[in-house]
């Protein structure tokens, strides 16, 4: 039986990425003693939760769209390669990394996770049919804001340590 790529597969991957981000940010928020640090991570966790709901809705309504491939399985292999080495391969790993992280390490991990998400969602945009792109574009924009917020917080944190 031939394998065909469907946008629903991308949404399943996106939902898993959001679940792992949610697990990480929630765990870091729970262990944060500083109220401003806790607020940053609670905000990020709430955003991941909203993204998860949006991707679930898209997944439930997705069509049977398939981008043209140069060879059978091209996009499946590409997406697997794209997400293979992401920061959080599972929610268990995300929680474990949060438990072992101090604030500096948590910031670096969160920054890398947001970069991974931005890369994935940018590529996702190239593979989706036009009607599905608007929702992903909005999530991509939010992920960029998350990255900016974490970078700003990292700068502020470094300044406090001087």
C-alpha atoms as a PDB file:
ATOM      1  CA  UNK A   1       0.000   0.000   0.000  1.00  0.00           C
ATOM      2  CA  UNK A   2       1.412   3.395  -0.954  1.00  0.00           C
ATOM      3  CA  UNK A   3       2.182   5.960   1.724  1.00  0.00           C
ATOM      4  CA  UNK A   4       0.674   9.385   1.261  1.00  0.00           C
ATOM      5  CA  UNK A   5       1.466  12.490   3.229  1.00  0.00           C
ATOM      6  CA  UNK A   6      -1.503  14.296   4.767  1.00  0.00           C
ATOM      7  CA  UNK A   7      -1.647  17.607   6.591  1.00  0.00           C
ATOM      8  CA  UNK A   8      -3.297  15.772   9.495  1.00  0.00           C
ATOM      9  CA  UNK A   9       0.030  14.050  10.148  1.00  0.00           C
ATOM     10  CA  UNK A  10       1.678  17.423  10.609  1.00  0.00           C
ATOM     11  CA  UNK A  11      -1.019  18.447  13.057  1.00  0.00           C
ATOM     12  CA  UNK A  12      -0.421  15.299  15.102  1.00  0.00           C
ATOM     13  CA  UNK A  13       3.280  16.194  15.286  1.00  0.00           C
ATOM     14  CA  UNK A  14       2.414  19.801  16.150  1.00  0.00           C
ATOM     15  CA  UNK A  15       0.065  18.648  18.930  1.00  0.00           C
ATOM     16  CA  UNK A  16       2.840  16.493  20.400  1.00  0.00           C
ATOM     17  CA  UNK A  17       5.252  19.439  20.263  1.00  0.00           C
ATOM     18  CA  UNK A  18       2.733  21.617  22.077  1.00  0.00           C
ATOM     19  CA  UNK A  19       2.115  18.906  24.718  1.00  0.00           C
ATOM     20  CA  UNK A  20       5.813  18.609  25.460  1.00  0.00           C
ATOM     21  CA  UNK A  21       6.242  22.385  25.629  1.00  0.00           C
ATOM     22  CA  UNK A  22       3.250  22.589  27.958  1.00  0.00           C
ATOM     23  CA  UNK A  23       4.760  19.897  30.211  1.00  0.00           C
ATOM     24  CA  UNK A  24       8.119  21.699  30.339  1.00  0.00           C
ATOM     25  CA  UNK A  25       6.767  25.192  30.978  1.00  0.00           C
ATOM     26  CA  UNK A  26       4.285  23.933  33.579  1.00  0.00           C
ATOM     27  CA  UNK A  27       7.012  22.033  35.448  1.00  0.00           C
ATOM     28  CA  UNK A  28       9.386  25.014  35.400  1.00  0.00           C
ATOM     29  CA  UNK A  29       6.593  27.330  36.615  1.00  0.00           C
ATOM     30  CA  UNK A  30       5.740  24.956  39.458  1.00  0.00           C
ATOM     31  CA  UNK A  31       9.318  24.845  40.708  1.00  0.00           C
ATOM     32  CA  UNK A  32       9.920  28.601  40.337  1.00  0.00           C
ATOM     33  CA  UNK A  33      10.141  30.492  43.594  1.00  0.00           C
ATOM     34  CA  UNK A  34      10.364  33.927  41.994  1.00  0.00           C
ATOM     35  CA  UNK A  35       6.942  35.320  41.050  1.00  0.00           C
ATOM     36  CA  UNK A  36       8.112  37.017  37.839  1.00  0.00           C
ATOM     37  CA  UNK A  37       9.797  33.808  36.674  1.00  0.00           C
ATOM     38  CA  UNK A  38       6.684  31.823  37.508  1.00  0.00           C
ATOM     39  CA  UNK A  39       4.538  34.324  35.590  1.00  0.00           C
ATOM     40  CA  UNK A  40       6.691  34.006  32.456  1.00  0.00           C
ATOM     41  CA  UNK A  41       6.451  30.228  32.441  1.00  0.00           C
ATOM     42  CA  UNK A  42       2.742  30.187  33.309  1.00  0.00           C
ATOM     43  CA  UNK A  43       2.125  32.507  30.355  1.00  0.00           C
ATOM     44  CA  UNK A  44       4.122  30.208  28.067  1.00  0.00           C
ATOM     45  CA  UNK A  45       2.300  27.118  29.372  1.00  0.00           C
ATOM     46  CA  UNK A  46      -1.089  28.763  28.782  1.00  0.00           C
ATOM     47  CA  UNK A  47      -0.033  29.671  25.240  1.00  0.00           C
ATOM     48  CA  UNK A  48       1.049  26.101  24.509  1.00  0.00           C
ATOM     49  CA  UNK A  49      -2.336  24.913  25.779  1.00  0.00           C
ATOM     50  CA  UNK A  50      -4.134  27.308  23.385  1.00  0.00           C
ATOM     51  CA  UNK A  51      -1.950  26.149  20.500  1.00  0.00           C
ATOM     52  CA  UNK A  52      -2.722  22.529  21.317  1.00  0.00           C
ATOM     53  CA  UNK A  53      -6.465  23.250  21.144  1.00  0.00           C
ATOM     54  CA  UNK A  54      -6.053  25.058  17.817  1.00  0.00           C
ATOM     55  CA  UNK A  55      -4.040  22.227  16.271  1.00  0.00           C
ATOM     56  CA  UNK A  56      -6.584  19.717  17.562  1.00  0.00           C
ATOM     57  CA  UNK A  57      -9.345  21.689  15.842  1.00  0.00           C
ATOM     58  CA  UNK A  58      -7.333  21.832  12.610  1.00  0.00           C
ATOM     59  CA  UNK A  59      -6.573  18.125  12.860  1.00  0.00           C
ATOM     60  CA  UNK A  60     -10.285  17.338  13.298  1.00  0.00           C
ATOM     61  CA  UNK A  61     -11.251  19.404  10.244  1.00  0.00           C
ATOM     62  CA  UNK A  62      -8.284  18.693   7.992  1.00  0.00           C
ATOM     63  CA  UNK A  63      -8.869  17.619   4.454  1.00  0.00           C
ATOM     64  CA  UNK A  64      -7.082  14.955   2.505  1.00  0.00           C
ATOM     65  CA  UNK A  65      -4.568  17.372   1.049  1.00  0.00           C
ATOM     66  CA  UNK A  66      -1.238  16.034  -0.089  1.00  0.00           C
ATOM     67  CA  UNK A  67       1.607  18.130  -1.481  1.00  0.00           C
ATOM     68  CA  UNK A  68       3.236  16.917  -4.686  1.00  0.00           C
ATOM     69  CA  UNK A  69       6.259  14.728  -4.057  1.00  0.00           C
ATOM     70  CA  UNK A  70       9.325  14.120  -6.205  1.00  0.00           C
ATOM     71  CA  UNK A  71       9.380  10.558  -4.886  1.00  0.00           C
ATOM     72  CA  UNK A  72       7.019   8.522  -2.710  1.00  0.00           C
ATOM     73  CA  UNK A  73       7.518   9.275   0.984  1.00  0.00           C
ATOM     74  CA  UNK A  74       9.550  12.450   0.388  1.00  0.00           C
ATOM     75  CA  UNK A  75       7.655  14.641   2.851  1.00  0.00           C
ATOM     76  CA  UNK A  76       7.261  11.926   5.484  1.00  0.00           C
ATOM     77  CA  UNK A  77      11.050  11.501   5.533  1.00  0.00           C
ATOM     78  CA  UNK A  78      11.617  15.252   5.546  1.00  0.00           C
ATOM     79  CA  UNK A  79       9.289  15.860   8.480  1.00  0.00           C
ATOM     80  CA  UNK A  80      10.786  12.950  10.415  1.00  0.00           C
ATOM     81  CA  UNK A  81      14.247  14.461   9.916  1.00  0.00           C
ATOM     82  CA  UNK A  82      12.987  17.890  10.924  1.00  0.00           C
ATOM     83  CA  UNK A  83      11.584  16.740  14.268  1.00  0.00           C
ATOM     84  CA  UNK A  84      13.974  13.869  15.039  1.00  0.00           C
ATOM     85  CA  UNK A  85      16.299  15.863  17.272  1.00  0.00           C
ATOM     86  CA  UNK A  86      13.874  18.347  18.759  1.00  0.00           C
ATOM     87  CA  UNK A  87      14.457  19.469  22.327  1.00  0.00           C
ATOM     88  CA  UNK A  88      11.589  17.461  23.812  1.00  0.00           C
ATOM     89  CA  UNK A  89      10.994  14.099  22.157  1.00  0.00           C
ATOM     90  CA  UNK A  90       8.360  13.292  24.818  1.00  0.00           C
ATOM     91  CA  UNK A  91       6.520  14.843  27.754  1.00  0.00           C
ATOM     92  CA  UNK A  92       8.548  12.628  30.124  1.00  0.00           C
ATOM     93  CA  UNK A  93      11.792  14.095  28.767  1.00  0.00           C
ATOM     94  CA  UNK A  94      10.344  17.616  29.014  1.00  0.00           C
ATOM     95  CA  UNK A  95       9.404  17.116  32.670  1.00  0.00           C
ATOM     96  CA  UNK A  96      12.768  15.526  33.426  1.00  0.00           C
ATOM     97  CA  UNK A  97      14.657  18.435  31.856  1.00  0.00           C
ATOM     98  CA  UNK A  98      12.550  20.905  33.807  1.00  0.00           C
ATOM     99  CA  UNK A  99      13.251  19.093  37.081  1.00  0.00           C
ATOM    100  CA  UNK A 100      17.001  19.191  36.421  1.00  0.00           C
ATOM    101  CA  UNK A 101      17.073  22.806  35.231  1.00  0.00           C
ATOM    102  CA  UNK A 102      18.015  25.915  37.060  1.00  0.00           C
ATOM    103  CA  UNK A 103      16.627  29.152  35.660  1.00  0.00           C
ATOM    104  CA  UNK A 104      19.536  29.718  33.269  1.00  0.00           C
ATOM    105  CA  UNK A 105      19.299  26.196  31.823  1.00  0.00           C
ATOM    106  CA  UNK A 106      15.500  26.419  31.629  1.00  0.00           C
ATOM    107  CA  UNK A 107      15.772  29.651  29.656  1.00  0.00           C
ATOM    108  CA  UNK A 108      18.239  28.087  27.204  1.00  0.00           C
ATOM    109  CA  UNK A 109      16.048  25.013  26.822  1.00  0.00           C
ATOM    110  CA  UNK A 110      12.919  27.111  26.308  1.00  0.00           C
ATOM    111  CA  UNK A 111      14.692  29.273  23.739  1.00  0.00           C
ATOM    112  CA  UNK A 112      15.812  26.217  21.792  1.00  0.00           C
ATOM    113  CA  UNK A 113      12.329  24.696  21.997  1.00  0.00           C
ATOM    114  CA  UNK A 114      10.800  27.878  20.582  1.00  0.00           C
ATOM    115  CA  UNK A 115      13.383  27.930  17.781  1.00  0.00           C
ATOM    116  CA  UNK A 116      12.521  24.292  16.984  1.00  0.00           C
ATOM    117  CA  UNK A 117       8.833  25.193  16.888  1.00  0.00           C
ATOM    118  CA  UNK A 118       9.429  28.193  14.637  1.00  0.00           C
ATOM    119  CA  UNK A 119      11.408  26.067  12.197  1.00  0.00           C
ATOM    120  CA  UNK A 120       8.774  23.340  12.168  1.00  0.00           C
ATOM    121  CA  UNK A 121       5.815  25.707  11.746  1.00  0.00           C
ATOM    122  CA  UNK A 122       7.598  27.661   9.024  1.00  0.00           C
ATOM    123  CA  UNK A 123       8.064  24.422   7.102  1.00  0.00           C
ATOM    124  CA  UNK A 124       4.508  23.397   7.929  1.00  0.00           C
ATOM    125  CA  UNK A 125       3.267  26.543   6.191  1.00  0.00           C
ATOM    126  CA  UNK A 126       4.955  25.423   2.976  1.00  0.00           C
ATOM    127  CA  UNK A 127       3.184  22.075   3.010  1.00  0.00           C
ATOM    128  CA  UNK A 128      -0.389  23.032   3.833  1.00  0.00           C
ATOM    129  CA  UNK A 129      -3.242  23.943   1.519  1.00  0.00           C
ATOM    130  CA  UNK A 130      -4.073  27.656   1.560  1.00  0.00           C
ATOM    131  CA  UNK A 131      -7.244  27.425   3.716  1.00  0.00           C
ATOM    132  CA  UNK A 132      -5.245  25.906   6.590  1.00  0.00           C
ATOM    133  CA  UNK A 133      -2.339  28.383   6.530  1.00  0.00           C
ATOM    134  CA  UNK A 134      -3.947  31.302   8.389  1.00  0.00           C
ATOM    135  CA  UNK A 135      -4.282  29.431  11.684  1.00  0.00           C
ATOM    136  CA  UNK A 136      -0.720  28.138  11.544  1.00  0.00           C
ATOM    137  CA  UNK A 137       0.547  31.603  10.609  1.00  0.00           C
ATOM    138  CA  UNK A 138      -1.041  32.980  13.794  1.00  0.00           C
ATOM    139  CA  UNK A 139       0.555  30.263  15.940  1.00  0.00           C
ATOM    140  CA  UNK A 140       3.907  30.860  14.248  1.00  0.00           C
ATOM    141  CA  UNK A 141       3.632  34.546  15.112  1.00  0.00           C
ATOM    142  CA  UNK A 142       2.947  33.665  18.749  1.00  0.00           C
ATOM    143  CA  UNK A 143       5.933  31.301  18.851  1.00  0.00           C
ATOM    144  CA  UNK A 144       8.124  34.158  17.623  1.00  0.00           C
ATOM    145  CA  UNK A 145       6.775  36.349  20.428  1.00  0.00           C
ATOM    146  CA  UNK A 146       7.567  33.568  22.917  1.00  0.00           C
ATOM    147  CA  UNK A 147      11.139  33.469  21.658  1.00  0.00           C
ATOM    148  CA  UNK A 148      11.446  37.248  21.952  1.00  0.00           C
ATOM    149  CA  UNK A 149      10.033  37.166  25.470  1.00  0.00           C
ATOM    150  CA  UNK A 150      12.432  34.417  26.565  1.00  0.00           C
ATOM    151  CA  UNK A 151      15.404  36.225  25.017  1.00  0.00           C
ATOM    152  CA  UNK A 152      14.439  39.441  26.799  1.00  0.00           C
ATOM    153  CA  UNK A 153      13.998  37.573  30.068  1.00  0.00           C
ATOM    154  CA  UNK A 154      17.392  35.904  29.579  1.00  0.00           C
ATOM    155  CA  UNK A 155      19.013  39.323  29.088  1.00  0.00           C
ATOM    156  CA  UNK A 156      17.263  40.666  32.194  1.00  0.00           C
ATOM    157  CA  UNK A 157      18.313  37.602  34.207  1.00  0.00           C
ATOM    158  CA  UNK A 158      21.948  37.939  33.096  1.00  0.00           C
ATOM    159  CA  UNK A 159      21.909  41.628  34.060  1.00  0.00           C
ATOM    160  CA  UNK A 160      20.662  40.728  37.554  1.00  0.00           C
ATOM    161  CA  UNK A 161      23.555  38.308  38.036  1.00  0.00           C
ATOM    162  CA  UNK A 162      26.199  40.990  37.362  1.00  0.00           C
END
